[in-house]
């Protein structure tokens, strides 16, 4: 795995305004995903994860801050640059497979259509279609229409379409949200294989903690900022080692479970020790 990042977000802010209401969906979010990583971004509804995915996919723009994906500064894209970004730098897997698959084309034709739009034709296109379908293990479904496929196989076909143009980064929005447990496991196993064998950087946005347990690094987003990260040595480990995330302004979010357990609210006392920071409740009880 390279130490070079494929996704860099610095102090991202996204504000939605209507006539009478202003909502700050992202509040100075910072995120770095290294090349070749597979990361899960987890958050509750309203945490800002969908807003972040919209920005990383080039379908939305931040109100402030910087987002760079596959060396492309998304804030500086014009229409032509955005088209090139979508065609070659990034692939998308949406929860609704209809966003990836054309219903009247077969699985193979869906993959081939992406290549045709990118100017790939002839034997090169034929070979790439076969390679991608073999990679996601649905070569036997090549001549079937999406409606004839089970939900999990449809999602595998969507992954194949997203990989057609050899993107550096694969973004997945709740890819297992509509699937049963077995189908979800198959989709996640395929995404891990793509990550490991093709070297594609993968970011999965999800609210499902069981999905997060199938990747080595999980980033939790809360109130428009990244709050904690969990690193796992063993896939499927529900625990792992948890880290708080400190942004460039020195802000961090304590896990809600810590706050509840120790009664931390309103304001707390801080003191710098030799090798750690001591945090106390306002009534001087030491938080351990």
Protein backbone atom coordinates (compact mmCIF):
# COMPACT_ATOMS: atom_id res chain seq x y z
CA UNK A 1 0.00 0.00 0.00
CA UNK A 2 1.33 3.43 -0.96
CA UNK A 3 1.59 6.24 1.58
CA UNK A 4 0.49 8.67 -1.16
CA UNK A 5 -3.13 9.70 -0.57
CA UNK A 6 -5.79 9.21 -3.24
CA UNK A 7 -8.39 11.16 -1.24
CA UNK A 8 -7.55 14.32 0.67
CA UNK A 9 -10.16 16.54 2.30
CA UNK A 10 -9.04 19.62 4.22
CA UNK A 11 -11.45 21.74 6.27
CA UNK A 12 -14.41 20.91 4.06
CA UNK A 13 -17.51 22.99 4.63
CA UNK A 14 -20.82 22.54 2.83
CA UNK A 15 -23.69 24.91 3.51
CA UNK A 16 -27.13 24.49 2.01
CA UNK A 17 -29.26 27.60 1.90
CA UNK A 18 -32.90 28.25 1.19
CA UNK A 19 -34.83 31.46 1.65
CA UNK A 20 -35.27 31.06 5.41
CA UNK A 21 -32.98 28.21 6.40
CA UNK A 22 -29.22 27.60 6.38
CA UNK A 23 -27.91 24.09 7.11
CA UNK A 24 -24.20 23.38 7.56
CA UNK A 25 -23.86 19.74 6.49
CA UNK A 26 -20.05 19.64 6.71
CA UNK A 27 -18.25 21.66 9.37
CA UNK A 28 -14.54 21.64 8.61
CA UNK A 29 -14.17 17.96 7.80
CA UNK A 30 -10.70 16.48 7.25
CA UNK A 31 -10.07 13.04 5.75
CA UNK A 32 -7.07 11.31 4.16
CA UNK A 33 -7.28 7.93 2.40
CA UNK A 34 -4.01 6.48 1.16
CA UNK A 35 -3.61 4.87 -2.25
CA UNK A 36 -4.65 1.22 -2.08
CA UNK A 37 -6.64 1.54 1.14
CA UNK A 38 -10.14 0.19 1.65
CA UNK A 39 -11.95 2.39 4.17
CA UNK A 40 -15.48 2.47 5.54
CA UNK A 41 -17.01 5.84 6.37
CA UNK A 42 -19.74 5.33 8.97
CA UNK A 43 -22.30 7.77 10.26
CA UNK A 44 -25.91 8.15 11.26
CA UNK A 45 -28.50 9.82 9.09
CA UNK A 46 -27.74 13.54 8.93
CA UNK A 47 -24.08 13.14 9.89
CA UNK A 48 -22.84 14.49 6.54
CA UNK A 49 -21.61 11.29 4.92
CA UNK A 50 -23.88 11.57 1.86
CA UNK A 51 -22.88 15.19 1.41
CA UNK A 52 -19.21 14.18 1.52
CA UNK A 53 -19.76 11.45 -1.07
CA UNK A 54 -21.48 13.93 -3.37
CA UNK A 55 -18.42 16.18 -3.19
CA UNK A 56 -15.90 13.35 -3.67
CA UNK A 57 -17.84 12.12 -6.70
CA UNK A 58 -17.71 15.56 -8.30
CA UNK A 59 -21.51 15.85 -8.25
CA UNK A 60 -21.48 18.62 -5.63
CA UNK A 61 -19.02 21.31 -4.62
CA UNK A 62 -17.85 22.42 -1.16
CA UNK A 63 -18.71 25.85 0.17
CA UNK A 64 -15.17 26.10 1.57
CA UNK A 65 -12.10 23.91 2.00
CA UNK A 66 -10.40 21.56 -0.42
CA UNK A 67 -11.16 18.09 -1.80
CA UNK A 68 -8.60 16.25 -3.95
CA UNK A 69 -9.35 12.80 -5.43
CA UNK A 70 -6.83 10.93 -7.60
CA UNK A 71 -4.72 14.11 -7.79
CA UNK A 72 -7.71 16.10 -9.11
CA UNK A 73 -8.66 19.26 -7.22
CA UNK A 74 -12.44 19.01 -7.39
CA UNK A 75 -12.94 22.68 -6.60
CA UNK A 76 -11.08 23.68 -9.76
CA UNK A 77 -12.97 21.49 -12.24
CA UNK A 78 -14.79 22.93 -15.23
CA UNK A 79 -17.37 20.92 -17.18
CA UNK A 80 -14.79 19.22 -19.40
CA UNK A 81 -12.55 18.39 -16.46
CA UNK A 82 -15.49 16.94 -14.52
CA UNK A 83 -16.38 14.68 -17.46
CA UNK A 84 -12.78 13.45 -17.70
CA UNK A 85 -12.73 12.86 -13.93
CA UNK A 86 -15.89 10.74 -14.09
CA UNK A 87 -14.62 8.73 -17.07
CA UNK A 88 -11.14 7.86 -15.89
CA UNK A 89 -10.30 8.78 -12.30
CA UNK A 90 -13.20 7.52 -10.22
CA UNK A 91 -15.83 4.79 -10.30
CA UNK A 92 -19.18 4.83 -8.51
CA UNK A 93 -21.29 2.07 -6.98
CA UNK A 94 -24.66 3.32 -5.83
CA UNK A 95 -27.16 1.57 -3.58
CA UNK A 96 -29.74 1.85 -6.35
CA UNK A 97 -28.30 -0.30 -9.13
CA UNK A 98 -30.46 1.55 -11.66
CA UNK A 99 -27.91 4.37 -11.36
CA UNK A 100 -25.18 2.02 -12.62
CA UNK A 101 -27.04 -0.31 -14.99
CA UNK A 102 -29.05 0.42 -18.14
CA UNK A 103 -32.05 -1.95 -17.87
CA UNK A 104 -32.34 -2.84 -21.58
CA UNK A 105 -28.64 -3.75 -21.96
CA UNK A 106 -27.11 -7.05 -20.86
CA UNK A 107 -24.44 -7.11 -18.19
CA UNK A 108 -21.67 -7.31 -20.78
CA UNK A 109 -23.27 -4.54 -22.86
CA UNK A 110 -23.46 -2.30 -19.78
CA UNK A 111 -19.71 -2.67 -19.21
CA UNK A 112 -18.99 -2.26 -22.93
CA UNK A 113 -21.08 0.92 -23.10
CA UNK A 114 -18.87 2.63 -20.53
CA UNK A 115 -15.78 1.70 -22.55
CA UNK A 116 -17.36 2.85 -25.81
CA UNK A 117 -18.12 6.28 -24.39
CA UNK A 118 -14.47 6.48 -23.32
CA UNK A 119 -13.33 5.65 -26.87
CA UNK A 120 -12.29 2.03 -26.24
CA UNK A 121 -13.40 -0.27 -29.06
CA UNK A 122 -12.65 -3.53 -30.87
CA UNK A 123 -10.65 -6.32 -29.27
CA UNK A 124 -9.41 -4.08 -26.48
CA UNK A 125 -12.99 -3.46 -25.39
CA UNK A 126 -13.92 -7.14 -25.67
CA UNK A 127 -10.91 -8.17 -23.58
CA UNK A 128 -11.61 -5.57 -20.90
CA UNK A 129 -15.26 -6.63 -20.58
CA UNK A 130 -14.19 -10.24 -20.10
CA UNK A 131 -11.49 -9.27 -17.58
CA UNK A 132 -13.85 -7.18 -15.46
CA UNK A 133 -16.63 -9.79 -15.41
CA UNK A 134 -14.11 -12.46 -14.43
CA UNK A 135 -12.79 -10.21 -11.68
CA UNK A 136 -16.21 -9.85 -10.05
CA UNK A 137 -17.05 -13.50 -10.80
CA UNK A 138 -20.17 -12.99 -12.90
CA UNK A 139 -18.90 -14.01 -16.34
CA UNK A 140 -21.73 -16.56 -16.50
CA UNK A 141 -24.24 -13.71 -16.26
CA UNK A 142 -22.76 -11.70 -19.15
CA UNK A 143 -25.73 -12.12 -21.50
CA UNK A 144 -28.51 -11.52 -18.98
CA UNK A 145 -30.47 -8.33 -18.42
CA UNK A 146 -30.25 -6.68 -14.98
CA UNK A 147 -33.88 -7.46 -14.15
CA UNK A 148 -33.13 -11.18 -14.49
CA UNK A 149 -30.45 -11.02 -11.78
CA UNK A 150 -30.75 -11.36 -8.01
CA UNK A 151 -30.04 -8.17 -6.04
CA UNK A 152 -26.55 -9.22 -5.00
CA UNK A 153 -25.59 -10.12 -8.58
CA UNK A 154 -26.98 -6.80 -9.80
CA UNK A 155 -24.65 -5.06 -7.37
CA UNK A 156 -21.70 -7.12 -8.62
CA UNK A 157 -22.62 -6.04 -12.15
CA UNK A 158 -22.67 -2.45 -10.92
CA UNK A 159 -19.16 -2.91 -9.54
CA UNK A 160 -18.05 -4.27 -12.92
CA UNK A 161 -19.43 -1.18 -14.66
CA UNK A 162 -17.69 1.08 -12.14
CA UNK A 163 -14.36 -0.68 -12.79
CA UNK A 164 -14.57 -0.67 -16.58
CA UNK A 165 -12.28 2.31 -17.12
CA UNK A 166 -9.68 1.26 -14.52
CA UNK A 167 -10.39 4.05 -12.00
CA UNK A 168 -7.91 4.84 -9.25
CA UNK A 169 -10.71 5.37 -6.72
CA UNK A 170 -13.95 3.44 -6.21
CA UNK A 171 -16.70 5.18 -4.22
CA UNK A 172 -19.57 3.07 -2.90
CA UNK A 173 -22.77 4.46 -1.41
CA UNK A 174 -24.45 1.92 0.90
CA UNK A 175 -23.57 -0.92 -1.54
CA UNK A 176 -25.13 -3.58 0.71
CA UNK A 177 -28.02 -1.54 2.08
CA UNK A 178 -30.73 -3.41 0.14
CA UNK A 179 -29.17 -6.90 0.33
CA UNK A 180 -29.57 -9.87 2.62
CA UNK A 181 -26.61 -11.02 4.71
CA UNK A 182 -25.21 -13.59 2.25
CA UNK A 183 -25.47 -11.25 -0.73
CA UNK A 184 -23.88 -8.45 1.30
CA UNK A 185 -20.95 -10.66 2.21
CA UNK A 186 -20.43 -11.59 -1.45
CA UNK A 187 -20.42 -7.93 -2.48
CA UNK A 188 -17.94 -6.96 0.25
CA UNK A 189 -15.69 -9.93 -0.59
CA UNK A 190 -15.68 -8.80 -4.21
CA UNK A 191 -14.78 -5.24 -3.24
CA UNK A 192 -11.91 -6.52 -1.11
CA UNK A 193 -10.68 -8.63 -4.05
CA UNK A 194 -10.84 -5.60 -6.34
CA UNK A 195 -8.97 -3.56 -3.75
CA UNK A 196 -6.27 -6.20 -3.26
CA UNK A 197 -5.79 -7.45 -6.83
CA UNK A 198 -6.34 -4.24 -8.81
CA UNK A 199 -4.93 -1.81 -6.25
CA UNK A 200 -8.06 0.35 -6.44
CA UNK A 201 -8.59 2.68 -3.50
CA UNK A 202 -12.05 1.98 -2.07
CA UNK A 203 -14.22 4.22 0.12
CA UNK A 204 -17.49 2.67 1.32
CA UNK A 205 -20.07 5.03 2.81
CA UNK A 206 -22.47 3.17 5.10
CA UNK A 207 -24.55 3.35 8.27
CA UNK A 208 -24.11 -0.41 8.85
CA UNK A 209 -21.53 -1.25 11.51
CA UNK A 210 -21.28 -4.87 10.30
CA UNK A 211 -20.01 -3.57 6.96
CA UNK A 212 -17.42 -1.45 8.75
CA UNK A 213 -16.13 -4.53 10.55
CA UNK A 214 -15.14 -6.05 7.20
CA UNK A 215 -12.47 -3.41 6.50
CA UNK A 216 -9.29 -2.64 8.39
CA UNK A 217 -9.94 1.08 8.82
CA UNK A 218 -13.25 2.66 9.75
CA UNK A 219 -13.75 6.42 9.96
CA UNK A 220 -16.77 7.66 11.87
CA UNK A 221 -18.38 10.96 10.89
CA UNK A 222 -20.56 12.97 13.25
CA UNK A 223 -22.06 16.45 12.95
CA UNK A 224 -20.21 17.13 9.73
CA UNK A 225 -16.73 16.18 10.96
CA UNK A 226 -14.69 13.01 11.24
CA UNK A 227 -14.75 12.07 14.91
CA UNK A 228 -13.01 8.72 15.46
CA UNK A 229 -11.14 6.02 13.55
CA UNK A 230 -10.98 2.31 14.29
CA UNK A 231 -8.07 0.18 13.06
CA UNK A 232 -8.51 -3.62 12.94
CA UNK A 233 -5.83 -6.25 12.65
CA UNK A 234 -8.44 -8.95 11.98
CA UNK A 235 -11.38 -8.52 9.62
CA UNK A 236 -14.68 -9.22 11.34
CA UNK A 237 -13.33 -7.93 14.66
CA UNK A 238 -16.09 -5.84 16.20
CA UNK A 239 -13.68 -3.92 18.42
CA UNK A 240 -10.29 -2.92 17.03
CA UNK A 241 -8.28 0.02 18.34
CA UNK A 242 -10.14 3.33 18.37
CA UNK A 243 -8.50 6.73 17.82
CA UNK A 244 -9.91 10.23 18.16
CA UNK A 245 -9.34 12.49 15.16
CA UNK A 246 -7.81 15.95 15.73
CA UNK A 247 -8.26 18.44 12.90
CA UNK A 248 -5.91 21.26 11.93
CA UNK A 249 -7.63 23.60 14.38
CA UNK A 250 -7.00 21.20 17.27
CA UNK A 251 -10.64 20.12 17.57
CA UNK A 252 -11.66 16.58 18.40
CA UNK A 253 -14.91 14.80 19.22
CA UNK A 254 -15.10 12.39 22.13
CA UNK A 255 -17.17 9.28 21.40
CA UNK A 256 -20.72 9.67 22.64
CA UNK A 257 -20.35 6.50 24.72
CA UNK A 258 -17.43 8.11 26.62
CA UNK A 259 -19.45 11.24 27.28
CA UNK A 260 -22.41 9.27 28.60
CA UNK A 261 -20.29 6.93 30.76
CA UNK A 262 -18.42 9.76 32.47
CA UNK A 263 -21.12 12.41 32.47
CA UNK A 264 -19.08 14.80 30.34
CA UNK A 265 -21.13 17.80 29.23
CA UNK A 266 -21.10 21.59 28.96
CA UNK A 267 -17.43 22.14 29.75
CA UNK A 268 -14.52 20.03 31.03
CA UNK A 269 -11.11 20.73 32.59
CA UNK A 270 -7.92 19.98 30.65
CA UNK A 271 -4.34 19.74 31.92
CA UNK A 272 -1.18 18.81 30.04
CA UNK A 273 0.87 15.97 31.54
CA UNK A 274 4.27 14.69 30.45
CA UNK A 275 2.91 12.19 27.94
CA UNK A 276 -0.86 12.70 27.89
CA UNK A 277 -3.70 15.15 28.35
CA UNK A 278 -5.81 14.79 31.49
CA UNK A 279 -9.50 15.53 31.10
CA UNK A 280 -11.74 16.20 34.12
CA UNK A 281 -15.41 16.78 34.56
CA UNK A 282 -16.44 20.25 35.65
CA UNK A 283 -16.90 18.97 39.20
CA UNK A 284 -13.20 17.89 39.22
CA UNK A 285 -13.93 14.15 39.01
CA UNK A 286 -11.12 12.67 36.94
CA UNK A 287 -12.25 11.09 33.66
CA UNK A 288 -10.31 7.85 33.29
